[in-house]
Amino acid sequence: MTAISRILQLDQQLFSVIYSAPHPYLLDWVMTILTLVGIGGGIWIVILGYFAFRDKNLKRFLAILLSLTTIFLYTEVLLKPLVARPRPITDYTHLQLNLHVVPITDYSFPSGHAAGSFAMAIILSAIKNRWRPLFFTLAALIGFSRIYLGCHHPLDVITGGIIGLIHGIITISILKYKNLLTTQASS
């Protein structure tokens, strides 16, 4: 068995454990809300808009919005069709997936929700450092909600998170280079 085969087998086992665990109604509801607020980076745009309005920094807001758009393009338009990994609903018909969101027909790898969430968590943490635990907790919960609801495999979310972190670090470097992010802004 190759290393990739082992990783994919572990990924499938982890998905089965998470999805087969009890799904109480309240937790289903919370996870569905987390997934819905993560669509298109919606919650992140609201948070970013709040800070942009409060700090009166429209240029930084637009630059970060462009960054979020870029991560959407390379996860959803470039990587997903290139890898073409089916969604769990295709792979795990024996589990009788009960998605609490609109059925998804595109590919699974990587998770755009996780990529955008972790990119925004690291970018927003550079702007408002004291909010870092909240940003990363929200990103992790949004990513986990995608597995919990059967929308993604764990590897999709982990890889999306890594892509998001790398993208966020690059964005922070660009913002600093363009003088849109200073050390005073990170307090």
N, C-alpha and C. Protein backbone atom coordinates (compact mmCIF):
# COMPACT_ATOMS: atom_id res chain seq x y z
N MET A 1 0.85 -1.18 0.00
CA MET A 1 0.00 0.00 0.00
C MET A 1 0.90 1.25 0.00
N THR A 2 0.62 2.17 -0.88
CA THR A 2 1.43 3.39 -0.97
C THR A 2 1.05 4.37 0.14
N ALA A 3 1.90 5.36 0.32
CA ALA A 3 1.64 6.37 1.35
C ALA A 3 0.34 7.11 1.06
N ILE A 4 0.10 7.42 -0.20
CA ILE A 4 -1.13 8.15 -0.57
C ILE A 4 -2.35 7.28 -0.28
N SER A 5 -2.27 6.00 -0.58
CA SER A 5 -3.38 5.08 -0.29
C SER A 5 -3.67 5.02 1.20
N ARG A 6 -2.62 5.00 2.02
CA ARG A 6 -2.80 4.99 3.48
C ARG A 6 -3.45 6.27 3.98
N ILE A 7 -2.99 7.38 3.43
CA ILE A 7 -3.56 8.68 3.83
C ILE A 7 -5.04 8.74 3.46
N LEU A 8 -5.39 8.30 2.25
CA LEU A 8 -6.79 8.32 1.83
C LEU A 8 -7.64 7.34 2.64
N GLN A 9 -7.06 6.20 3.01
CA GLN A 9 -7.78 5.25 3.85
C GLN A 9 -8.04 5.85 5.24
N LEU A 10 -7.04 6.49 5.81
CA LEU A 10 -7.20 7.15 7.10
C LEU A 10 -8.24 8.26 7.01
N ASP A 11 -8.20 9.00 5.90
CA ASP A 11 -9.17 10.08 5.65
C ASP A 11 -10.59 9.53 5.64
N GLN A 12 -10.80 8.41 4.96
CA GLN A 12 -12.12 7.79 4.89
C GLN A 12 -12.56 7.28 6.25
N GLN A 13 -11.64 6.69 7.01
CA GLN A 13 -11.99 6.19 8.34
C GLN A 13 -12.37 7.33 9.27
N LEU A 14 -11.61 8.41 9.22
CA LEU A 14 -11.90 9.56 10.06
C LEU A 14 -13.26 10.17 9.70
N PHE A 15 -13.54 10.27 8.40
CA PHE A 15 -14.84 10.78 7.98
C PHE A 15 -15.95 9.90 8.53
N SER A 16 -15.80 8.59 8.39
CA SER A 16 -16.83 7.66 8.87
C SER A 16 -17.07 7.80 10.37
N VAL A 17 -16.00 7.97 11.15
CA VAL A 17 -16.12 8.14 12.59
C VAL A 17 -16.89 9.42 12.91
N ILE A 18 -16.50 10.52 12.27
CA ILE A 18 -17.15 11.81 12.54
C ILE A 18 -18.60 11.79 12.10
N TYR A 19 -18.84 11.29 10.90
CA TYR A 19 -20.21 11.35 10.39
C TYR A 19 -21.13 10.33 11.07
N SER A 20 -20.56 9.22 11.51
CA SER A 20 -21.38 8.19 12.16
C SER A 20 -21.66 8.49 13.63
N ALA A 21 -20.94 9.44 14.21
CA ALA A 21 -21.17 9.82 15.61
C ALA A 21 -22.57 10.39 15.76
N PRO A 22 -23.11 10.38 16.97
CA PRO A 22 -24.45 10.95 17.19
C PRO A 22 -24.52 12.41 16.70
N HIS A 23 -25.61 12.72 16.08
CA HIS A 23 -25.85 14.07 15.57
C HIS A 23 -27.10 14.64 16.23
N PRO A 24 -26.97 15.18 17.44
CA PRO A 24 -28.15 15.76 18.09
C PRO A 24 -28.67 16.96 17.29
N TYR A 25 -29.97 17.16 17.38
CA TYR A 25 -30.62 18.22 16.61
C TYR A 25 -29.96 19.58 16.81
N LEU A 26 -29.67 19.95 18.05
CA LEU A 26 -29.08 21.26 18.33
C LEU A 26 -27.73 21.41 17.66
N LEU A 27 -26.90 20.36 17.72
CA LEU A 27 -25.58 20.42 17.09
C LEU A 27 -25.71 20.45 15.57
N ASP A 28 -26.67 19.71 15.02
CA ASP A 28 -26.94 19.78 13.58
C ASP A 28 -27.26 21.21 13.17
N TRP A 29 -28.09 21.86 13.96
CA TRP A 29 -28.51 23.23 13.69
C TRP A 29 -27.31 24.19 13.74
N VAL A 30 -26.48 24.05 14.77
CA VAL A 30 -25.30 24.92 14.93
C VAL A 30 -24.34 24.70 13.76
N MET A 31 -24.08 23.47 13.40
CA MET A 31 -23.16 23.18 12.30
C MET A 31 -23.70 23.68 10.96
N THR A 32 -25.00 23.59 10.78
CA THR A 32 -25.61 24.11 9.55
C THR A 32 -25.44 25.62 9.48
N ILE A 33 -25.67 26.31 10.59
CA ILE A 33 -25.48 27.77 10.63
C ILE A 33 -24.03 28.12 10.32
N LEU A 34 -23.07 27.40 10.92
CA LEU A 34 -21.65 27.66 10.67
C LEU A 34 -21.31 27.48 9.20
N THR A 35 -21.84 26.43 8.59
CA THR A 35 -21.59 26.23 7.16
C THR A 35 -22.20 27.36 6.34
N LEU A 36 -23.43 27.75 6.68
CA LEU A 36 -24.10 28.79 5.89
C LEU A 36 -23.42 30.14 6.00
N VAL A 37 -22.92 30.50 7.21
CA VAL A 37 -22.26 31.81 7.34
C VAL A 37 -20.90 31.80 6.67
N GLY A 38 -20.35 30.61 6.40
CA GLY A 38 -19.06 30.52 5.71
C GLY A 38 -19.17 30.58 4.20
N ILE A 39 -20.37 30.47 3.66
CA ILE A 39 -20.54 30.49 2.20
C ILE A 39 -20.05 31.82 1.64
N GLY A 40 -19.16 31.72 0.67
CA GLY A 40 -18.64 32.92 0.02
C GLY A 40 -17.87 33.83 0.96
N GLY A 41 -17.48 33.32 2.12
CA GLY A 41 -16.76 34.15 3.08
C GLY A 41 -17.64 35.18 3.75
N GLY A 42 -18.95 34.96 3.73
CA GLY A 42 -19.92 35.94 4.23
C GLY A 42 -19.62 36.49 5.61
N ILE A 43 -19.40 35.61 6.58
CA ILE A 43 -19.15 36.07 7.95
C ILE A 43 -17.86 36.87 8.02
N TRP A 44 -16.87 36.45 7.24
CA TRP A 44 -15.57 37.13 7.24
C TRP A 44 -15.67 38.52 6.61
N ILE A 45 -16.49 38.63 5.58
CA ILE A 45 -16.68 39.94 4.95
C ILE A 45 -17.38 40.90 5.92
N VAL A 46 -18.34 40.38 6.68
CA VAL A 46 -19.03 41.21 7.69
C VAL A 46 -18.04 41.67 8.76
N ILE A 47 -17.22 40.75 9.27
CA ILE A 47 -16.24 41.11 10.30
C ILE A 47 -15.23 42.12 9.75
N LEU A 48 -14.75 41.84 8.55
CA LEU A 48 -13.79 42.74 7.91
C LEU A 48 -14.41 44.11 7.66
N GLY A 49 -15.67 44.12 7.21
CA GLY A 49 -16.37 45.39 6.99
C GLY A 49 -16.52 46.19 8.27
N TYR A 50 -16.80 45.50 9.36
CA TYR A 50 -16.90 46.19 10.66
C TYR A 50 -15.59 46.88 11.01
N PHE A 51 -14.47 46.15 10.88
CA PHE A 51 -13.17 46.76 11.20
C PHE A 51 -12.80 47.86 10.22
N ALA A 52 -13.14 47.68 8.95
CA ALA A 52 -12.84 48.72 7.95
C ALA A 52 -13.61 49.99 8.25
N PHE A 53 -14.89 49.83 8.62
CA PHE A 53 -15.72 50.99 8.95
C PHE A 53 -15.19 51.67 10.22
N ARG A 54 -14.89 50.87 11.22
CA ARG A 54 -14.42 51.41 12.49
C ARG A 54 -13.04 52.07 12.37
N ASP A 55 -12.16 51.44 11.60
CA ASP A 55 -10.80 51.97 11.45
C ASP A 55 -10.67 52.95 10.29
N LYS A 56 -11.77 53.11 9.54
CA LYS A 56 -11.78 54.00 8.36
C LYS A 56 -10.64 53.66 7.40
N ASN A 57 -10.56 52.39 7.00
CA ASN A 57 -9.48 51.93 6.13
C ASN A 57 -10.07 51.16 4.95
N LEU A 58 -10.64 51.90 4.01
CA LEU A 58 -11.29 51.29 2.85
C LEU A 58 -10.28 50.58 1.94
N LYS A 59 -9.08 51.13 1.79
CA LYS A 59 -8.07 50.51 0.93
C LYS A 59 -7.72 49.11 1.43
N ARG A 60 -7.50 48.98 2.74
CA ARG A 60 -7.18 47.68 3.30
C ARG A 60 -8.36 46.72 3.12
N PHE A 61 -9.56 47.21 3.33
CA PHE A 61 -10.77 46.39 3.15
C PHE A 61 -10.83 45.85 1.73
N LEU A 62 -10.63 46.70 0.74
CA LEU A 62 -10.70 46.28 -0.65
C LEU A 62 -9.58 45.31 -1.01
N ALA A 63 -8.38 45.54 -0.47
CA ALA A 63 -7.25 44.64 -0.72
C ALA A 63 -7.53 43.25 -0.16
N ILE A 64 -8.09 43.19 1.03
CA ILE A 64 -8.38 41.89 1.65
C ILE A 64 -9.56 41.23 0.93
N LEU A 65 -10.51 41.99 0.49
CA LEU A 65 -11.62 41.45 -0.29
C LEU A 65 -11.11 40.84 -1.60
N LEU A 66 -10.15 41.51 -2.22
CA LEU A 66 -9.51 40.97 -3.43
C LEU A 66 -8.79 39.66 -3.10
N SER A 67 -8.14 39.61 -1.95
CA SER A 67 -7.45 38.41 -1.50
C SER A 67 -8.44 37.26 -1.32
N LEU A 68 -9.58 37.53 -0.72
CA LEU A 68 -10.61 36.51 -0.53
C LEU A 68 -11.15 36.02 -1.87
N THR A 69 -11.31 36.93 -2.81
CA THR A 69 -11.75 36.56 -4.16
C THR A 69 -10.72 35.67 -4.83
N THR A 70 -9.45 35.99 -4.65
CA THR A 70 -8.37 35.20 -5.25
C THR A 70 -8.36 33.78 -4.70
N ILE A 71 -8.51 33.64 -3.40
CA ILE A 71 -8.50 32.28 -2.83
C ILE A 71 -9.71 31.49 -3.33
N PHE A 72 -10.84 32.16 -3.52
CA PHE A 72 -12.01 31.49 -4.10
C PHE A 72 -11.69 30.98 -5.50
N LEU A 73 -11.07 31.83 -6.31
CA LEU A 73 -10.76 31.44 -7.69
C LEU A 73 -9.82 30.25 -7.76
N TYR A 74 -8.77 30.24 -6.95
CA TYR A 74 -7.88 29.10 -7.10
C TYR A 74 -8.32 27.85 -6.37
N THR A 75 -9.22 27.94 -5.41
CA THR A 75 -9.73 26.69 -4.83
C THR A 75 -10.91 26.16 -5.65
N GLU A 76 -11.85 27.03 -5.95
CA GLU A 76 -13.10 26.59 -6.60
C GLU A 76 -12.97 26.44 -8.12
N VAL A 77 -12.22 27.32 -8.75
CA VAL A 77 -12.16 27.32 -10.21
C VAL A 77 -10.96 26.52 -10.73
N LEU A 78 -9.83 26.57 -10.02
CA LEU A 78 -8.63 25.88 -10.49
C LEU A 78 -8.46 24.49 -9.86
N LEU A 79 -8.33 24.43 -8.53
CA LEU A 79 -7.96 23.17 -7.88
C LEU A 79 -9.06 22.11 -7.88
N LYS A 80 -10.30 22.50 -7.57
CA LYS A 80 -11.36 21.48 -7.50
C LYS A 80 -11.54 20.72 -8.81
N PRO A 81 -11.66 21.42 -9.95
CA PRO A 81 -11.79 20.66 -11.21
C PRO A 81 -10.52 19.89 -11.58
N LEU A 82 -9.36 20.40 -11.17
CA LEU A 82 -8.10 19.74 -11.48
C LEU A 82 -7.99 18.41 -10.72
N VAL A 83 -8.31 18.41 -9.42
CA VAL A 83 -8.23 17.19 -8.61
C VAL A 83 -9.45 16.31 -8.84
N ALA A 84 -10.61 16.92 -8.95
CA ALA A 84 -11.88 16.23 -9.25
C ALA A 84 -12.21 15.11 -8.25
N ARG A 85 -12.03 15.40 -6.97
CA ARG A 85 -12.39 14.42 -5.94
C ARG A 85 -13.88 14.53 -5.65
N PRO A 86 -14.60 13.40 -5.70
CA PRO A 86 -16.03 13.44 -5.43
C PRO A 86 -16.33 13.83 -3.97
N ARG A 87 -17.50 14.37 -3.77
CA ARG A 87 -17.97 14.70 -2.42
C ARG A 87 -18.25 13.42 -1.66
N PRO A 88 -18.24 13.48 -0.33
CA PRO A 88 -18.55 12.28 0.47
C PRO A 88 -19.89 11.65 0.13
N ILE A 89 -20.84 12.45 -0.28
CA ILE A 89 -22.16 11.90 -0.61
C ILE A 89 -22.05 10.86 -1.72
N THR A 90 -21.02 10.98 -2.56
CA THR A 90 -20.78 10.03 -3.64
C THR A 90 -20.03 8.80 -3.12
N ASP A 91 -19.09 9.03 -2.20
CA ASP A 91 -18.23 7.95 -1.70
C ASP A 91 -18.87 7.10 -0.60
N TYR A 92 -19.80 7.67 0.15
CA TYR A 92 -20.30 6.99 1.35
C TYR A 92 -21.81 6.79 1.30
N THR A 93 -22.29 6.25 0.20
CA THR A 93 -23.73 6.05 0.08
C THR A 93 -24.24 5.10 1.16
N HIS A 94 -23.38 4.22 1.68
CA HIS A 94 -23.79 3.28 2.73
C HIS A 94 -24.10 3.97 4.05
N LEU A 95 -23.60 5.21 4.24
CA LEU A 95 -23.86 5.93 5.48
C LEU A 95 -25.18 6.70 5.44
N GLN A 96 -25.81 6.72 4.28
CA GLN A 96 -27.05 7.47 4.10
C GLN A 96 -26.89 8.89 4.63
N LEU A 97 -26.03 9.64 3.95
CA LEU A 97 -25.74 11.01 4.37
C LEU A 97 -27.02 11.83 4.39
N ASN A 98 -27.15 12.60 5.43
CA ASN A 98 -28.32 13.44 5.63
C ASN A 98 -27.86 14.89 5.68
N LEU A 99 -27.53 15.42 4.51
CA LEU A 99 -27.04 16.79 4.46
C LEU A 99 -28.13 17.76 4.91
N HIS A 100 -27.73 18.72 5.74
CA HIS A 100 -28.66 19.74 6.21
C HIS A 100 -28.50 21.03 5.42
N VAL A 101 -27.84 20.92 4.30
CA VAL A 101 -27.64 22.06 3.41
C VAL A 101 -28.07 21.62 2.02
N VAL A 102 -28.15 22.56 1.11
CA VAL A 102 -28.53 22.25 -0.27
C VAL A 102 -27.53 21.23 -0.82
N PRO A 103 -28.01 20.17 -1.49
CA PRO A 103 -27.07 19.18 -2.04
C PRO A 103 -26.01 19.86 -2.92
N ILE A 104 -24.78 19.39 -2.79
CA ILE A 104 -23.65 20.00 -3.47
C ILE A 104 -23.24 19.12 -4.64
N THR A 105 -23.04 19.73 -5.79
CA THR A 105 -22.74 18.94 -6.98
C THR A 105 -21.31 19.13 -7.49
N ASP A 106 -20.57 20.10 -6.95
CA ASP A 106 -19.20 20.29 -7.43
C ASP A 106 -18.25 19.34 -6.70
N TYR A 107 -16.98 19.50 -6.94
CA TYR A 107 -15.98 18.61 -6.34
C TYR A 107 -15.65 19.00 -4.91
N SER A 108 -14.91 18.11 -4.24
CA SER A 108 -14.71 18.22 -2.81
C SER A 108 -13.36 18.80 -2.38
N PHE A 109 -12.30 18.58 -3.16
CA PHE A 109 -10.93 18.91 -2.72
C PHE A 109 -10.38 20.11 -3.45
N PRO A 110 -9.91 21.11 -2.71
CA PRO A 110 -9.90 21.33 -1.27
C PRO A 110 -11.17 22.06 -0.83
N SER A 111 -11.35 22.19 0.46
CA SER A 111 -12.51 22.89 0.99
C SER A 111 -12.31 24.39 0.84
N GLY A 112 -13.18 25.02 0.06
CA GLY A 112 -13.14 26.47 -0.10
C GLY A 112 -13.52 27.18 1.19
N HIS A 113 -14.47 26.60 1.93
CA HIS A 113 -14.85 27.17 3.23
C HIS A 113 -13.63 27.25 4.16
N ALA A 114 -12.87 26.14 4.23
CA ALA A 114 -11.70 26.11 5.11
C ALA A 114 -10.61 27.05 4.61
N ALA A 115 -10.36 27.06 3.31
CA ALA A 115 -9.32 27.92 2.75
C ALA A 115 -9.63 29.39 3.04
N GLY A 116 -10.84 29.81 2.73
CA GLY A 116 -11.21 31.20 2.98
C GLY A 116 -11.23 31.54 4.45
N SER A 117 -11.72 30.63 5.27
CA SER A 117 -11.81 30.89 6.71
C SER A 117 -10.44 31.03 7.36
N PHE A 118 -9.53 30.12 7.03
CA PHE A 118 -8.21 30.21 7.65
C PHE A 118 -7.39 31.37 7.09
N ALA A 119 -7.59 31.70 5.82
CA ALA A 119 -6.93 32.89 5.27
C ALA A 119 -7.40 34.13 6.02
N MET A 120 -8.71 34.24 6.19
CA MET A 120 -9.25 35.42 6.86
C MET A 120 -8.89 35.43 8.35
N ALA A 121 -8.82 34.26 8.98
CA ALA A 121 -8.45 34.21 10.40
C ALA A 121 -7.05 34.77 10.61
N ILE A 122 -6.13 34.37 9.74
CA ILE A 122 -4.76 34.86 9.93
C ILE A 122 -4.62 36.32 9.54
N ILE A 123 -5.34 36.75 8.50
CA ILE A 123 -5.28 38.15 8.08
C ILE A 123 -5.90 39.05 9.15
N LEU A 124 -7.09 38.68 9.61
CA LEU A 124 -7.76 39.49 10.63
C LEU A 124 -6.98 39.48 11.94
N SER A 125 -6.29 38.38 12.24
CA SER A 125 -5.46 38.33 13.45
C SER A 125 -4.30 39.32 13.36
N ALA A 126 -3.80 39.56 12.16
CA ALA A 126 -2.73 40.53 11.98
C ALA A 126 -3.26 41.96 12.19
N ILE A 127 -4.54 42.14 11.93
CA ILE A 127 -5.15 43.47 12.11
C ILE A 127 -5.57 43.67 13.57
N LYS A 128 -6.18 42.66 14.14
CA LYS A 128 -6.69 42.72 15.53
C LYS A 128 -6.19 41.50 16.28
N ASN A 129 -4.97 41.57 16.76
CA ASN A 129 -4.30 40.44 17.40
C ASN A 129 -5.06 39.88 18.60
N ARG A 130 -5.68 40.72 19.39
CA ARG A 130 -6.35 40.22 20.59
C ARG A 130 -7.58 39.37 20.26
N TRP A 131 -8.07 39.44 19.03
CA TRP A 131 -9.22 38.65 18.59
C TRP A 131 -8.80 37.31 17.97
N ARG A 132 -7.49 37.07 17.90
CA ARG A 132 -6.95 35.86 17.24
C ARG A 132 -7.66 34.58 17.68
N PRO A 133 -7.82 34.31 19.00
CA PRO A 133 -8.49 33.05 19.38
C PRO A 133 -9.91 32.92 18.80
N LEU A 134 -10.63 34.02 18.79
CA LEU A 134 -11.99 34.00 18.22
C LEU A 134 -11.95 33.69 16.73
N PHE A 135 -11.05 34.36 15.99
CA PHE A 135 -10.96 34.14 14.54
C PHE A 135 -10.61 32.69 14.21
N PHE A 136 -9.62 32.14 14.91
CA PHE A 136 -9.20 30.77 14.60
C PHE A 136 -10.22 29.73 15.09
N THR A 137 -10.90 30.02 16.18
CA THR A 137 -11.96 29.12 16.63
C THR A 137 -13.09 29.09 15.61
N LEU A 138 -13.48 30.26 15.13
CA LEU A 138 -14.52 30.33 14.11
C LEU A 138 -14.10 29.59 12.84
N ALA A 139 -12.86 29.80 12.40
CA ALA A 139 -12.37 29.11 11.19
C ALA A 139 -12.39 27.60 11.38
N ALA A 140 -11.92 27.13 12.54
CA ALA A 140 -11.89 25.68 12.81
C ALA A 140 -13.31 25.11 12.86
N LEU A 141 -14.23 25.83 13.48
CA LEU A 141 -15.61 25.35 13.56
C LEU A 141 -16.28 25.31 12.18
N ILE A 142 -16.02 26.32 11.36
CA ILE A 142 -16.57 26.30 10.00
C ILE A 142 -16.01 25.12 9.23
N GLY A 143 -14.70 24.89 9.34
CA GLY A 143 -14.09 23.74 8.67
C GLY A 143 -14.67 22.42 9.16
N PHE A 144 -14.79 22.27 10.49
CA PHE A 144 -15.35 21.04 11.05
C PHE A 144 -16.80 20.83 10.62
N SER A 145 -17.55 21.92 10.51
CA SER A 145 -18.96 21.80 10.11
C SER A 145 -19.09 21.15 8.73
N ARG A 146 -18.11 21.37 7.88
CA ARG A 146 -18.15 20.80 6.53
C ARG A 146 -18.01 19.28 6.57
N ILE A 147 -17.21 18.77 7.49
CA ILE A 147 -17.08 17.32 7.65
C ILE A 147 -18.32 16.77 8.36
N TYR A 148 -18.71 17.42 9.44
CA TYR A 148 -19.85 17.00 10.25
C TYR A 148 -21.11 16.84 9.40
N LEU A 149 -21.33 17.77 8.47
CA LEU A 149 -22.53 17.73 7.64
C LEU A 149 -22.38 16.82 6.42
N GLY A 150 -21.20 16.25 6.23
CA GLY A 150 -21.00 15.33 5.12
C GLY A 150 -20.65 16.01 3.81
N CYS A 151 -20.27 17.27 3.86
CA CYS A 151 -19.94 18.02 2.64
C CYS A 151 -18.50 17.79 2.18
N HIS A 152 -17.61 17.46 3.11
CA HIS A 152 -16.18 17.30 2.80
C HIS A 152 -15.57 16.14 3.58
N HIS A 153 -14.50 15.62 3.01
CA HIS A 153 -13.64 14.67 3.71
C HIS A 153 -12.71 15.49 4.62
N PRO A 154 -12.19 14.89 5.69
CA PRO A 154 -11.26 15.62 6.57
C PRO A 154 -10.04 16.17 5.82
N LEU A 155 -9.49 15.40 4.89
CA LEU A 155 -8.32 15.85 4.14
C LEU A 155 -8.63 17.10 3.32
N ASP A 156 -9.84 17.22 2.82
CA ASP A 156 -10.25 18.42 2.07
C ASP A 156 -10.16 19.65 2.96
N VAL A 157 -10.64 19.50 4.19
CA VAL A 157 -10.67 20.62 5.14
C VAL A 157 -9.26 20.96 5.62
N ILE A 158 -8.48 19.94 5.93
CA ILE A 158 -7.10 20.18 6.39
C ILE A 158 -6.30 20.87 5.29
N THR A 159 -6.39 20.36 4.07
CA THR A 159 -5.66 20.97 2.96
C THR A 159 -6.16 22.38 2.69
N GLY A 160 -7.47 22.58 2.72
CA GLY A 160 -8.02 23.92 2.55
C GLY A 160 -7.50 24.88 3.60
N GLY A 161 -7.42 24.40 4.85
CA GLY A 161 -6.89 25.23 5.94
C GLY A 161 -5.44 25.60 5.71
N ILE A 162 -4.63 24.65 5.25
CA ILE A 162 -3.22 24.93 4.98
C ILE A 162 -3.09 25.93 3.83
N ILE A 163 -3.87 25.74 2.78
CA ILE A 163 -3.85 26.69 1.67
C ILE A 163 -4.23 28.07 2.17
N GLY A 164 -5.26 28.14 3.01
CA GLY A 164 -5.70 29.42 3.56
C GLY A 164 -4.63 30.10 4.39
N LEU A 165 -3.94 29.32 5.23
CA LEU A 165 -2.88 29.90 6.07
C LEU A 165 -1.75 30.46 5.21
N ILE A 166 -1.34 29.71 4.19
CA ILE A 166 -0.28 30.19 3.29
C ILE A 166 -0.74 31.44 2.56
N HIS A 167 -1.96 31.41 2.06
CA HIS A 167 -2.52 32.57 1.35
C HIS A 167 -2.60 33.78 2.28
N GLY A 168 -3.00 33.55 3.52
CA GLY A 168 -3.09 34.64 4.49
C GLY A 168 -1.74 35.26 4.78
N ILE A 169 -0.72 34.43 4.93
CA ILE A 169 0.64 34.94 5.18
C ILE A 169 1.12 35.78 4.01
N ILE A 170 0.87 35.31 2.81
CA ILE A 170 1.25 36.07 1.61
C ILE A 170 0.49 37.40 1.57
N THR A 171 -0.79 37.36 1.87
CA THR A 171 -1.61 38.59 1.87
C THR A 171 -1.09 39.58 2.90
N ILE A 172 -0.75 39.11 4.09
CA ILE A 172 -0.21 39.99 5.13
C ILE A 172 1.08 40.65 4.64
N SER A 173 1.94 39.87 4.00
CA SER A 173 3.19 40.42 3.47
C SER A 173 2.92 41.51 2.44
N ILE A 174 1.96 41.28 1.57
CA ILE A 174 1.60 42.28 0.55
C ILE A 174 1.02 43.53 1.22
N LEU A 175 0.15 43.34 2.21
CA LEU A 175 -0.44 44.48 2.90
C LEU A 175 0.64 45.31 3.59
N LYS A 176 1.60 44.65 4.21
CA LYS A 176 2.70 45.37 4.86
C LYS A 176 3.54 46.11 3.83
N TYR A 177 3.82 45.45 2.71
CA TYR A 177 4.61 46.07 1.64
C TYR A 177 3.92 47.32 1.09
N LYS A 178 2.60 47.24 0.99
CA LYS A 178 1.82 48.37 0.46
C LYS A 178 1.44 49.38 1.55
N ASN A 179 1.98 49.20 2.75
CA ASN A 179 1.70 50.08 3.90
C ASN A 179 0.22 50.13 4.28
N LEU A 180 -0.46 49.01 4.08
CA LEU A 180 -1.86 48.91 4.47
C LEU A 180 -2.02 48.17 5.81
N LEU A 181 -0.90 47.70 6.33
CA LEU A 181 -0.91 47.01 7.60
C LEU A 181 0.37 47.43 8.35
N THR A 182 0.18 48.05 9.48
CA THR A 182 1.33 48.48 10.27
C THR A 182 1.27 47.83 11.64
N THR A 183 2.34 47.97 12.38
CA THR A 183 2.38 47.37 13.72
C THR A 183 1.33 47.98 14.63
N GLN A 184 0.98 49.25 14.43
CA GLN A 184 -0.07 49.85 15.26
C GLN A 184 -1.43 49.19 15.01
N ALA A 185 -1.65 48.74 13.76
CA ALA A 185 -2.93 48.15 13.41
C ALA A 185 -3.12 46.77 14.02
N SER A 186 -2.04 46.12 14.46
CA SER A 186 -2.18 44.76 14.97
C SER A 186 -2.48 44.68 16.46
N SER A 187 -2.63 45.78 17.12
CA SER A 187 -2.95 45.73 18.56
C SER A 187 -4.41 45.42 18.80
